[in-house]
Protein backbone atom coordinates (compact mmCIF):
# COMPACT_ATOMS: atom_id res chain seq x y z
CA MET A 1 -70.39 23.38 -14.15
CA LYS A 2 -67.12 24.62 -12.45
CA LYS A 3 -68.88 23.86 -8.93
CA ARG A 4 -69.66 20.41 -9.95
CA ILE A 5 -66.30 19.70 -11.03
CA TYR A 6 -64.99 20.98 -7.98
CA ARG A 7 -67.41 18.70 -5.81
CA ILE A 8 -66.17 15.76 -7.90
CA ALA A 9 -62.59 16.64 -7.23
CA ILE A 10 -63.01 16.86 -3.40
CA ALA A 11 -64.95 13.50 -3.36
CA ILE A 12 -61.77 11.55 -5.12
CA GLY A 13 -59.54 13.24 -2.79
CA VAL A 14 -61.37 12.20 0.37
CA VAL A 15 -61.84 8.69 -1.15
CA LEU A 16 -58.13 8.44 -1.55
CA PHE A 17 -57.08 9.82 1.67
CA VAL A 18 -59.28 7.16 3.34
CA LEU A 19 -57.95 4.24 1.38
CA ILE A 20 -54.42 5.40 2.29
CA VAL A 21 -55.37 5.64 6.19
CA TYR A 22 -56.88 2.28 5.55
CA ARG A 23 -53.73 0.68 4.11
CA LEU A 24 -51.63 2.05 7.18
CA LEU A 25 -53.78 0.68 9.61
CA THR A 26 -53.86 -2.84 8.25
CA SER A 27 -50.22 -2.92 7.47
CA LYS A 28 -47.54 -4.80 9.74
CA LEU A 29 -46.41 -1.72 10.85
CA PHE A 30 -49.52 -1.55 13.18
CA GLN A 31 -50.18 -5.04 14.78
CA LYS A 32 -52.99 -5.67 17.13
CA ASP A 33 -52.24 -7.33 20.28
CA ASP A 34 -54.92 -7.40 22.91
CA GLY A 35 -56.52 -4.15 21.52
CA GLU A 36 -53.08 -2.22 21.70
CA GLU A 37 -51.06 -1.19 18.59
CA THR A 38 -47.49 -2.40 18.10
CA TYR A 39 -45.21 -0.31 16.02
CA LEU A 40 -42.58 -2.31 13.90
CA VAL A 41 -39.43 -0.75 12.91
CA PRO A 42 -38.90 -0.46 9.21
CA VAL A 43 -35.55 -1.51 8.04
CA THR A 44 -33.50 -2.50 5.14
CA THR A 45 -31.07 -5.40 5.09
CA VAL A 46 -27.90 -6.46 3.36
CA GLU A 47 -26.72 -10.05 2.74
CA VAL A 48 -23.13 -10.91 3.89
CA ILE A 49 -20.98 -12.00 0.90
CA THR A 50 -17.65 -13.32 0.32
CA GLY A 51 -14.96 -11.75 -2.07
CA ASP A 52 -11.61 -10.69 -2.50
CA VAL A 53 -9.98 -8.00 -0.23
CA ARG A 54 -6.57 -6.44 0.00
CA ASP A 55 -4.73 -4.29 2.50
CA THR A 56 -2.83 -1.49 0.41
CA LEU A 57 -0.62 1.37 1.17
CA PHE A 58 -0.89 4.48 -1.01
CA TYR A 59 1.76 6.81 -2.12
CA SER A 60 2.82 9.17 -5.05
CA GLY A 61 6.06 9.48 -6.78
CA ASP A 62 8.30 10.58 -9.84
CA ILE A 63 8.39 8.14 -12.62
CA GLN A 64 11.98 7.62 -14.00
CA GLY A 65 13.59 5.22 -16.74
CA GLU A 66 15.03 1.89 -15.56
CA GLU A 67 18.23 3.41 -16.29
CA GLN A 68 18.55 7.30 -16.28
CA ALA A 69 21.56 9.57 -16.35
CA ILE A 70 21.93 13.35 -16.27
CA VAL A 71 25.04 14.24 -18.23
CA TYR A 72 27.54 16.99 -17.21
CA PRO A 73 30.67 18.13 -18.83
CA VAL A 74 34.09 17.28 -17.46
CA VAL A 75 35.24 20.77 -17.80
CA SER A 76 33.56 24.21 -18.63
CA GLY A 77 32.65 25.19 -21.97
CA THR A 78 30.34 26.96 -24.33
CA LEU A 79 27.93 24.76 -26.33
CA LEU A 80 28.97 24.48 -30.10
CA ARG A 81 26.31 21.96 -31.26
CA TYR A 82 24.46 18.69 -30.11
CA SER A 83 25.20 15.46 -32.02
CA VAL A 84 21.93 13.80 -31.00
CA GLU A 85 18.63 15.39 -30.90
CA GLU A 86 15.72 14.80 -28.25
CA GLY A 87 13.93 11.41 -29.03
CA GLU A 88 16.90 9.86 -30.69
CA ARG A 89 18.52 6.89 -29.62
CA VAL A 90 22.36 6.97 -28.55
CA ARG A 91 24.92 4.34 -27.54
CA LYS A 92 26.83 4.22 -24.50
CA GLY A 93 30.19 6.28 -25.16
CA GLU A 94 28.56 8.05 -28.42
CA THR A 95 29.22 11.77 -28.55
CA LEU A 96 26.01 13.93 -27.29
CA ALA A 97 27.47 17.57 -27.51
CA LEU A 98 30.76 19.34 -28.26
CA LEU A 99 31.70 22.44 -26.09
CA LYS A 100 34.21 25.10 -26.74
CA ARG A 101 36.68 25.25 -23.84
CA LEU A 102 37.01 28.17 -21.94
CA GLU A 103 40.60 27.66 -20.93
CA THR A 104 42.62 29.62 -23.72
CA TRP A 105 45.73 27.37 -23.82
CA GLU A 106 43.46 24.48 -25.19
CA GLU A 107 40.78 26.56 -26.90
CA TYR A 108 41.07 24.75 -30.01
CA LYS A 109 40.42 21.31 -28.69
CA PRO A 110 36.61 20.98 -28.02
CA VAL A 111 35.04 19.29 -25.11
CA VAL A 112 33.28 15.85 -26.00
CA VAL A 113 30.37 15.09 -23.84
CA GLU A 114 29.62 11.50 -24.02
CA SER A 115 26.64 9.48 -23.17
CA PRO A 116 27.36 6.97 -20.06
CA ILE A 117 24.40 4.75 -21.21
CA SER A 118 22.50 3.45 -24.18
CA GLY A 119 19.03 4.78 -24.53
CA ILE A 120 16.85 7.81 -25.70
CA VAL A 121 17.86 11.29 -25.37
CA GLY A 122 15.24 12.88 -23.22
CA TYR A 123 16.12 16.28 -23.06
CA ASN A 124 18.83 18.70 -24.11
CA TYR A 125 19.17 21.54 -21.71
CA LEU A 126 21.46 24.16 -23.13
CA ASP A 127 21.35 26.48 -26.26
CA VAL A 128 24.28 27.05 -28.88
CA GLY A 129 26.46 29.41 -27.27
CA GLU A 130 25.30 28.78 -23.76
CA THR A 131 28.05 28.23 -21.04
CA ALA A 132 28.07 24.95 -19.11
CA THR A 133 30.26 24.49 -15.98
CA ILE A 134 31.09 21.18 -14.65
CA GLN A 135 27.84 21.31 -12.52
CA THR A 136 25.63 22.53 -15.47
CA PRO A 137 23.58 19.55 -16.94
CA VAL A 138 23.98 18.87 -20.77
CA SER A 139 21.61 16.09 -21.61
CA LEU A 140 19.21 13.51 -19.99
CA VAL A 141 19.47 10.03 -21.39
CA VAL A 142 16.85 7.28 -20.41
CA GLY A 143 17.61 3.61 -21.06
CA GLY A 144 16.11 0.27 -20.35
CA LYS A 145 12.91 -1.29 -20.98
CA GLY A 146 11.27 -0.83 -17.71
CA LEU A 147 10.13 1.95 -15.05
CA ARG A 148 11.23 3.02 -11.77
CA VAL A 149 9.19 5.01 -9.25
CA THR A 150 10.83 6.46 -6.21
CA LEU A 151 8.62 6.77 -3.12
CA LYS A 152 9.36 8.39 0.24
CA VAL A 153 7.92 6.10 3.01
CA ALA A 154 7.21 7.24 6.82
CA ASP A 155 9.12 5.26 9.25
CA THR A 156 5.88 4.09 10.80
CA GLU A 157 4.86 2.23 7.56
CA LEU A 158 8.48 1.29 6.51
CA GLY A 159 8.25 -2.18 8.49
CA LEU A 160 5.19 -3.15 6.36
CA ILE A 161 6.89 -3.26 3.05
CA ASP A 162 9.42 -5.95 1.77
CA VAL A 163 11.06 -6.35 -1.72
CA GLY A 164 9.03 -8.42 -4.03
CA MET A 165 5.76 -7.20 -2.96
CA ARG A 166 3.22 -6.67 -5.58
CA ALA A 167 2.48 -3.02 -6.44
CA GLU A 168 0.36 -1.18 -9.07
CA VAL A 169 1.06 2.39 -10.69
CA ARG A 170 -1.32 4.62 -12.60
CA VAL A 171 -0.84 8.11 -14.15
CA SER A 172 -3.30 10.82 -14.55
CA THR A 173 -3.50 10.46 -18.43
CA VAL A 174 -5.28 7.10 -17.94
CA PRO A 175 -6.59 7.28 -14.48
CA ASP A 176 -8.79 4.15 -14.62
CA THR A 177 -5.83 1.73 -15.35
CA TRP A 178 -3.37 0.28 -12.86
CA PHE A 179 -0.25 -1.02 -14.18
CA ASP A 180 1.61 -3.90 -12.51
CA GLY A 181 4.90 -3.60 -10.77
CA GLU A 182 6.62 -4.77 -7.64
CA VAL A 183 9.00 -3.40 -4.84
CA SER A 184 12.54 -3.60 -5.99
CA LYS A 185 14.28 -1.51 -3.27
CA VAL A 186 13.40 -0.65 0.32
CA SER A 187 16.31 1.91 1.75
CA PRO A 188 17.73 0.68 5.31
CA ILE A 189 18.29 4.19 6.30
CA LEU A 190 16.03 6.98 7.35
CA ASN A 191 16.28 10.59 6.74
CA SER A 192 16.72 12.15 10.04
CA ASP A 193 14.81 15.38 9.19
CA THR A 194 11.72 13.95 7.52
CA ARG A 195 11.62 10.37 9.10
CA THR A 196 11.12 9.02 5.56
CA ALA A 197 12.87 6.28 3.64
CA TYR A 198 13.17 5.73 -0.22
CA VAL A 199 11.36 2.69 -1.63
CA GLU A 200 11.65 1.91 -5.19
CA VAL A 201 8.62 0.07 -7.29
CA PHE A 202 9.78 -1.30 -10.67
CA ILE A 203 7.69 -1.92 -13.75
CA ASP A 204 9.37 -4.47 -16.07
CA GLU A 205 7.86 -3.32 -19.48
CA ARG A 206 7.07 0.41 -20.03
CA PRO A 207 3.45 0.88 -20.93
CA GLU A 208 2.53 3.02 -24.01
CA GLN A 209 0.82 5.47 -21.92
CA VAL A 210 3.55 6.08 -19.45
CA TRP A 211 6.69 8.24 -19.79
CA PRO A 212 9.52 8.99 -17.60
CA GLY A 213 9.17 12.38 -15.93
CA MET A 214 5.38 11.78 -15.35
CA PHE A 215 3.97 11.88 -11.75
CA GLY A 216 2.49 8.38 -10.62
CA ASP A 217 0.12 7.16 -7.87
CA VAL A 218 1.52 3.90 -6.26
CA ARG A 219 -0.41 1.41 -4.16
CA ILE A 220 1.63 -1.39 -2.40
CA ILE A 221 -0.33 -4.45 -1.76
CA ILE A 222 0.65 -5.59 1.77
CA GLU A 223 -1.94 -8.53 1.99
CA GLU A 224 -4.35 -10.16 -0.19
CA LYS A 225 -7.37 -12.57 0.60
CA SER A 226 -9.73 -14.54 -1.30
CA ASP A 227 -13.34 -15.80 -0.18
CA ALA A 228 -13.15 -13.22 2.80
CA THR A 229 -16.28 -12.67 4.58
CA LEU A 230 -17.33 -9.08 3.86
CA ILE A 231 -20.07 -6.63 4.85
CA PRO A 232 -20.34 -2.92 3.97
CA ALA A 233 -18.66 -0.42 6.56
CA ASP A 234 -22.07 1.38 6.76
CA VAL A 235 -23.99 -1.45 8.69
CA ILE A 236 -21.02 -1.31 11.51
CA LEU A 237 -21.93 0.13 14.95
CA TYR A 238 -19.42 1.09 17.59
CA ALA A 239 -20.03 0.79 21.24
CA GLY A 240 -16.88 2.27 22.53
CA ASN A 241 -15.27 5.59 21.74
CA GLU A 242 -13.03 6.26 18.75
CA MET A 243 -14.51 3.31 16.85
CA THR A 244 -13.90 0.57 19.21
CA ASP A 245 -15.94 -2.44 20.10
CA PRO A 246 -17.73 -3.06 16.66
CA TYR A 247 -20.79 -4.84 16.31
CA CYS A 248 -23.98 -5.22 13.97
CA PHE A 249 -27.63 -6.48 14.07
CA VAL A 250 -28.31 -9.67 12.19
CA LEU A 251 -32.17 -10.77 11.42
CA ASN A 252 -33.31 -13.83 12.07
CA GLY A 253 -36.90 -14.09 10.72
CA GLU A 254 -38.19 -10.90 11.81
CA ILE A 255 -36.36 -10.55 14.98
CA THR A 256 -33.00 -8.69 15.35
CA HIS A 257 -29.87 -10.06 17.31
CA LYS A 258 -26.74 -8.29 18.41
CA ARG A 259 -23.38 -9.65 16.96
CA ASP A 260 -20.00 -8.39 18.37
CA LEU A 261 -17.54 -8.34 15.41
CA GLU A 262 -13.90 -8.82 14.76
CA LEU A 263 -12.75 -6.68 11.70
CA GLY A 264 -10.09 -7.53 9.29
CA ILE A 265 -8.93 -5.87 6.46
CA ALA A 266 -11.04 -2.76 4.95
CA GLU A 267 -10.87 -1.74 1.35
CA GLY A 268 -13.06 0.87 -0.03
CA ALA A 269 -16.77 0.42 1.28
CA MET A 270 -16.29 -3.12 2.41
CA VAL A 271 -14.81 -4.54 5.65
CA GLU A 272 -13.59 -8.02 5.98
CA ILE A 273 -15.21 -9.78 9.19
CA LEU A 274 -13.06 -12.39 11.09
CA GLU A 275 -15.72 -13.14 13.68
CA GLY A 276 -19.41 -12.35 14.24
CA VAL A 277 -21.18 -13.25 11.24
CA SER A 278 -21.44 -15.83 8.22
CA PRO A 279 -21.84 -15.62 4.62
CA GLY A 280 -25.70 -15.28 3.83
CA ASP A 281 -26.68 -13.66 6.86
CA LEU A 282 -28.81 -10.80 6.69
CA VAL A 283 -27.53 -7.41 8.49
CA ILE A 284 -29.53 -4.46 9.13
CA ASP A 285 -28.55 -1.59 7.35
CA LEU A 286 -30.89 1.45 7.46
CA GLY A 287 -32.71 1.69 10.57
CA LYS A 288 -29.85 -0.15 12.59
CA GLU A 289 -29.76 2.75 15.12
CA ASN A 290 -33.35 2.24 16.17
CA VAL A 291 -33.21 -1.74 17.10
CA ASP A 292 -31.93 -3.47 19.99
CA GLU A 293 -31.50 -6.96 20.65
CA GLY A 294 -34.87 -9.08 20.19
CA VAL A 295 -36.72 -6.52 18.50
CA GLU A 296 -39.43 -7.37 15.82
CA VAL A 297 -38.95 -5.13 12.54
CA GLU A 298 -40.34 -5.02 9.09
CA VAL A 299 -38.07 -5.73 6.44
CA VAL A 300 -38.60 -2.91 3.59
CA VAL A 301 -35.62 -3.87 1.18
CA GLU A 302 -33.20 -6.88 1.05
CA GLU A 303 -30.01 -6.41 -0.94
CA SER A 304 -26.76 -7.82 -1.40
CA ALA A 305 -23.68 -6.26 -0.05
CA SER A 306 -21.74 -6.73 -3.41
């Protein structure tokens, strides 16, 4: 009984093998031409699309309040008490803390530390009895409705940035959300040691998820285009060294044609094409390294570039 089952299994396997071989020999990968077999290169293609593309610069920086002041005492003393707790609102000129003077001739007259701005007390730095000099911070006060992000920009990129450019900010607590802002300041002076200058991005209204003191990622949008001609960066080949002389292969029917490309803005996986292809063209993706001008191919998959 077992031998009979074994023979049946072998017979089924032989039949399947013969069918597979027959399928391969009769497929378009092998064409008969005067008795000679011609191999067609299998490829996949993507369709050239149109869409929006942006040229951006990416930075990181500390997020601060629209108005922010670290408050110091005018004379040295030891902390008697705070008049306003952290998280409470304070008015400009209101007392933040009282210090006991260190000078003996005026030891009964306390040092009054006042807030220079209206806002919220973000941090009280001292403990009762702790000594503060004129260089010791007493409190941090944050005011205004908006937020500022200060960036250090290299000299090679500073000339690309102007006041009023659109910017976007995100924080690690909500990494998938970008908050709208704009470039509010561009320093005209470079640090001679670091060759960087300060650029400030401003957000009009503080989002609920963002607080002063956080670290933020910022992208400044240098240029935006709508209805740009786009292809995936992966379909581009380069004839020269260091990614120069870009080109691709476009399919016309089943025949390949080489197209030299002029590249524009690159964003993510997509690249803007200024010259070389048009929306709706089919560009060879997988298999592009195995073809040349005027080669007949077999398309395995056609996809959209989006």
